[in-house]
Amino acid sequence: MKIVHITTGADGESHVQITAPEFTELDNRRTKADAAQSITFMKREVGFSDFHPAPRKQYMLYLTARVEIGLGDGSSVIMEPGDALLAEDITGHGHTSKVLQAGVCAVVPWA
């Protein structure tokens, strides 16, 4: 499992940082809590979405879908089932999304 954090840089482009979850709570079995306001489930069909900023700060939890996230510099990261994306690139050029394997994601807006 990886956590991919996308933010907008001073150049107006989206930038990515990839980390592993830090299990520090409950005898090192749970991460610290982040505030959330709701959860929805979204079907992702195979296809491509051109550059777009995130609609709001939100987590995308990849349950069964497999998606390639593209950045303005030409780099990309593939989100596998079990991965989490924290999308904070709510301004600027944004990122692309290429659904490689249809499936379901959970969308969790940041509170």
C-alpha atoms as a PDB file:
ATOM      1  CA  MET A   1       0.000   0.000   0.000  1.00  0.00           C
ATOM      2  CA  LYS A   2       1.164   3.480  -0.805  1.00  0.00           C
ATOM      3  CA  ILE A   3      -0.170   6.953  -0.085  1.00  0.00           C
ATOM      4  CA  VAL A   4       0.217   9.377  -2.972  1.00  0.00           C
ATOM      5  CA  HIS A   5      -0.070  13.067  -2.052  1.00  0.00           C
ATOM      6  CA  ILE A   6      -0.618  15.511  -4.922  1.00  0.00           C
ATOM      7  CA  THR A   7      -0.252  19.260  -4.346  1.00  0.00           C
ATOM      8  CA  THR A   8      -0.026  22.331  -6.576  1.00  0.00           C
ATOM      9  CA  GLY A   9       3.438  23.893  -6.714  1.00  0.00           C
ATOM     10  CA  ALA A  10       4.374  27.542  -7.192  1.00  0.00           C
ATOM     11  CA  ASP A  11       4.721  26.714 -10.920  1.00  0.00           C
ATOM     12  CA  GLY A  12       0.984  25.897 -11.139  1.00  0.00           C
ATOM     13  CA  GLU A  13       1.726  22.235 -11.835  1.00  0.00           C
ATOM     14  CA  SER A  14       0.791  19.237  -9.717  1.00  0.00           C
ATOM     15  CA  HIS A  15       3.583  17.529  -7.801  1.00  0.00           C
ATOM     16  CA  VAL A  16       3.551  14.135  -6.126  1.00  0.00           C
ATOM     17  CA  GLN A  17       5.024  12.688  -2.940  1.00  0.00           C
ATOM     18  CA  ILE A  18       4.740   8.939  -2.309  1.00  0.00           C
ATOM     19  CA  THR A  19       4.880   7.547   1.219  1.00  0.00           C
ATOM     20  CA  ALA A  20       3.869   4.468   3.174  1.00  0.00           C
ATOM     21  CA  PRO A  21       1.283   4.767   5.938  1.00  0.00           C
ATOM     22  CA  GLU A  22       2.690   5.390   9.421  1.00  0.00           C
ATOM     23  CA  PHE A  23       1.151   2.952  11.882  1.00  0.00           C
ATOM     24  CA  THR A  24       1.792   4.686  15.200  1.00  0.00           C
ATOM     25  CA  GLU A  25      -1.489   4.313  17.101  1.00  0.00           C
ATOM     26  CA  LEU A  26      -3.071   1.328  18.874  1.00  0.00           C
ATOM     27  CA  ASP A  27       0.132  -0.690  19.326  1.00  0.00           C
ATOM     28  CA  ASN A  28       1.370   0.337  15.863  1.00  0.00           C
ATOM     29  CA  ARG A  29      -1.666  -1.120  14.088  1.00  0.00           C
ATOM     30  CA  ARG A  30      -3.485   2.120  13.162  1.00  0.00           C
ATOM     31  CA  THR A  31      -2.574   5.455  11.615  1.00  0.00           C
ATOM     32  CA  LYS A  32      -3.462   8.785  13.186  1.00  0.00           C
ATOM     33  CA  ALA A  33      -6.976   9.899  12.297  1.00  0.00           C
ATOM     34  CA  ASP A  34      -7.671  12.481   9.581  1.00  0.00           C
ATOM     35  CA  ALA A  35     -10.922  14.429   9.657  1.00  0.00           C
ATOM     36  CA  ALA A  36     -13.463  13.521   6.969  1.00  0.00           C
ATOM     37  CA  GLN A  37     -16.990  14.705   6.267  1.00  0.00           C
ATOM     38  CA  SER A  38     -18.511  11.931   4.142  1.00  0.00           C
ATOM     39  CA  ILE A  39     -17.796   8.948   1.926  1.00  0.00           C
ATOM     40  CA  THR A  40     -19.152   8.018  -1.477  1.00  0.00           C
ATOM     41  CA  PHE A  41     -18.323   5.134  -3.770  1.00  0.00           C
ATOM     42  CA  MET A  42     -17.609   5.777  -7.424  1.00  0.00           C
ATOM     43  CA  LYS A  43     -17.460   3.357 -10.353  1.00  0.00           C
ATOM     44  CA  ARG A  44     -14.502   4.029 -12.612  1.00  0.00           C
ATOM     45  CA  GLU A  45     -14.756   2.813 -16.196  1.00  0.00           C
ATOM     46  CA  VAL A  46     -11.757   2.339 -18.507  1.00  0.00           C
ATOM     47  CA  GLY A  47     -11.000   5.670 -20.143  1.00  0.00           C
ATOM     48  CA  PHE A  48      -9.039   8.913 -19.918  1.00  0.00           C
ATOM     49  CA  SER A  49      -9.714  12.262 -18.217  1.00  0.00           C
ATOM     50  CA  ASP A  50      -7.519  15.125 -19.416  1.00  0.00           C
ATOM     51  CA  PHE A  51      -5.849  17.606 -17.057  1.00  0.00           C
ATOM     52  CA  HIS A  52      -8.113  18.728 -14.231  1.00  0.00           C
ATOM     53  CA  PRO A  53      -7.573  19.996 -10.685  1.00  0.00           C
ATOM     54  CA  ALA A  54      -9.150  18.101  -7.799  1.00  0.00           C
ATOM     55  CA  PRO A  55     -12.632  19.485  -7.004  1.00  0.00           C
ATOM     56  CA  ARG A  56     -11.684  19.789  -3.309  1.00  0.00           C
ATOM     57  CA  LYS A  57      -9.126  18.361  -0.912  1.00  0.00           C
ATOM     58  CA  GLN A  58     -10.063  14.689  -0.784  1.00  0.00           C
ATOM     59  CA  TYR A  59      -8.880  11.139  -0.455  1.00  0.00           C
ATOM     60  CA  MET A  60      -9.458   8.657  -3.272  1.00  0.00           C
ATOM     61  CA  LEU A  61      -9.221   5.122  -1.942  1.00  0.00           C
ATOM     62  CA  TYR A  62      -8.647   2.617  -4.724  1.00  0.00           C
ATOM     63  CA  LEU A  63     -10.688  -0.444  -3.803  1.00  0.00           C
ATOM     64  CA  THR A  64     -10.780  -2.402  -7.073  1.00  0.00           C
ATOM     65  CA  ALA A  65      -9.911   0.174  -9.776  1.00  0.00           C
ATOM     66  CA  ARG A  66      -6.419   0.603 -11.205  1.00  0.00           C
ATOM     67  CA  VAL A  67      -5.664   4.169 -12.373  1.00  0.00           C
ATOM     68  CA  GLU A  68      -2.630   5.962 -13.803  1.00  0.00           C
ATOM     69  CA  ILE A  69      -2.313   9.546 -12.525  1.00  0.00           C
ATOM     70  CA  GLY A  70      -0.372  11.804 -14.927  1.00  0.00           C
ATOM     71  CA  LEU A  71       1.468  15.011 -14.086  1.00  0.00           C
ATOM     72  CA  GLY A  72       2.404  18.015 -16.191  1.00  0.00           C
ATOM     73  CA  ASP A  73       6.103  17.059 -16.316  1.00  0.00           C
ATOM     74  CA  GLY A  74       5.215  13.803 -18.086  1.00  0.00           C
ATOM     75  CA  SER A  75       5.685  11.573 -15.038  1.00  0.00           C
ATOM     76  CA  SER A  76       2.949   9.337 -13.710  1.00  0.00           C
ATOM     77  CA  VAL A  77       2.102   7.041 -10.841  1.00  0.00           C
ATOM     78  CA  ILE A  78      -0.120   3.964 -11.001  1.00  0.00           C
ATOM     79  CA  MET A  79      -2.693   3.607  -8.249  1.00  0.00           C
ATOM     80  CA  GLU A  80      -3.333  -0.045  -7.404  1.00  0.00           C
ATOM     81  CA  PRO A  81      -6.187  -1.517  -5.374  1.00  0.00           C
ATOM     82  CA  GLY A  82      -5.369  -0.747  -1.732  1.00  0.00           C
ATOM     83  CA  ASP A  83      -3.600   2.555  -2.509  1.00  0.00           C
ATOM     84  CA  ALA A  84      -4.764   5.971  -1.294  1.00  0.00           C
ATOM     85  CA  LEU A  85      -4.498   9.314  -3.100  1.00  0.00           C
ATOM     86  CA  LEU A  86      -4.665  12.563  -1.136  1.00  0.00           C
ATOM     87  CA  ALA A  87      -5.575  15.089  -3.839  1.00  0.00           C
ATOM     88  CA  GLU A  88      -4.809  18.675  -2.870  1.00  0.00           C
ATOM     89  CA  ASP A  89      -4.047  20.062  -6.334  1.00  0.00           C
ATOM     90  CA  ILE A  90      -7.238  22.137  -6.313  1.00  0.00           C
ATOM     91  CA  THR A  91      -5.707  24.979  -8.348  1.00  0.00           C
ATOM     92  CA  GLY A  92      -3.430  25.119 -11.354  1.00  0.00           C
ATOM     93  CA  HIS A  93      -3.079  22.696 -14.249  1.00  0.00           C
ATOM     94  CA  GLY A  94      -4.085  19.603 -12.295  1.00  0.00           C
ATOM     95  CA  HIS A  95      -3.478  15.981 -13.244  1.00  0.00           C
ATOM     96  CA  THR A  96      -4.793  13.383 -15.681  1.00  0.00           C
ATOM     97  CA  SER A  97      -6.512  10.106 -14.834  1.00  0.00           C
ATOM     98  CA  LYS A  98      -6.293   7.042 -17.058  1.00  0.00           C
ATOM     99  CA  VAL A  99      -8.396   4.155 -15.779  1.00  0.00           C
ATOM    100  CA  LEU A 100      -6.471   0.992 -16.643  1.00  0.00           C
ATOM    101  CA  GLN A 101      -8.827  -1.423 -14.877  1.00  0.00           C
ATOM    102  CA  ALA A 102     -12.474  -0.642 -14.227  1.00  0.00           C
ATOM    103  CA  GLY A 103     -13.510  -0.827 -10.605  1.00  0.00           C
ATOM    104  CA  VAL A 104     -14.626   1.100  -7.560  1.00  0.00           C
ATOM    105  CA  CYS A 105     -13.027   3.917  -5.575  1.00  0.00           C
ATOM    106  CA  ALA A 106     -14.138   5.501  -2.322  1.00  0.00           C
ATOM    107  CA  VAL A 107     -14.157   9.315  -2.321  1.00  0.00           C
ATOM    108  CA  VAL A 108     -13.600  10.867   1.100  1.00  0.00           C
ATOM    109  CA  PRO A 109     -13.634  14.694   1.190  1.00  0.00           C
ATOM    110  CA  TRP A 110     -11.390  16.308   3.790  1.00  0.00           C
ATOM    111  CA  ALA A 111     -13.391  17.974   6.554  1.00  0.00           C
END
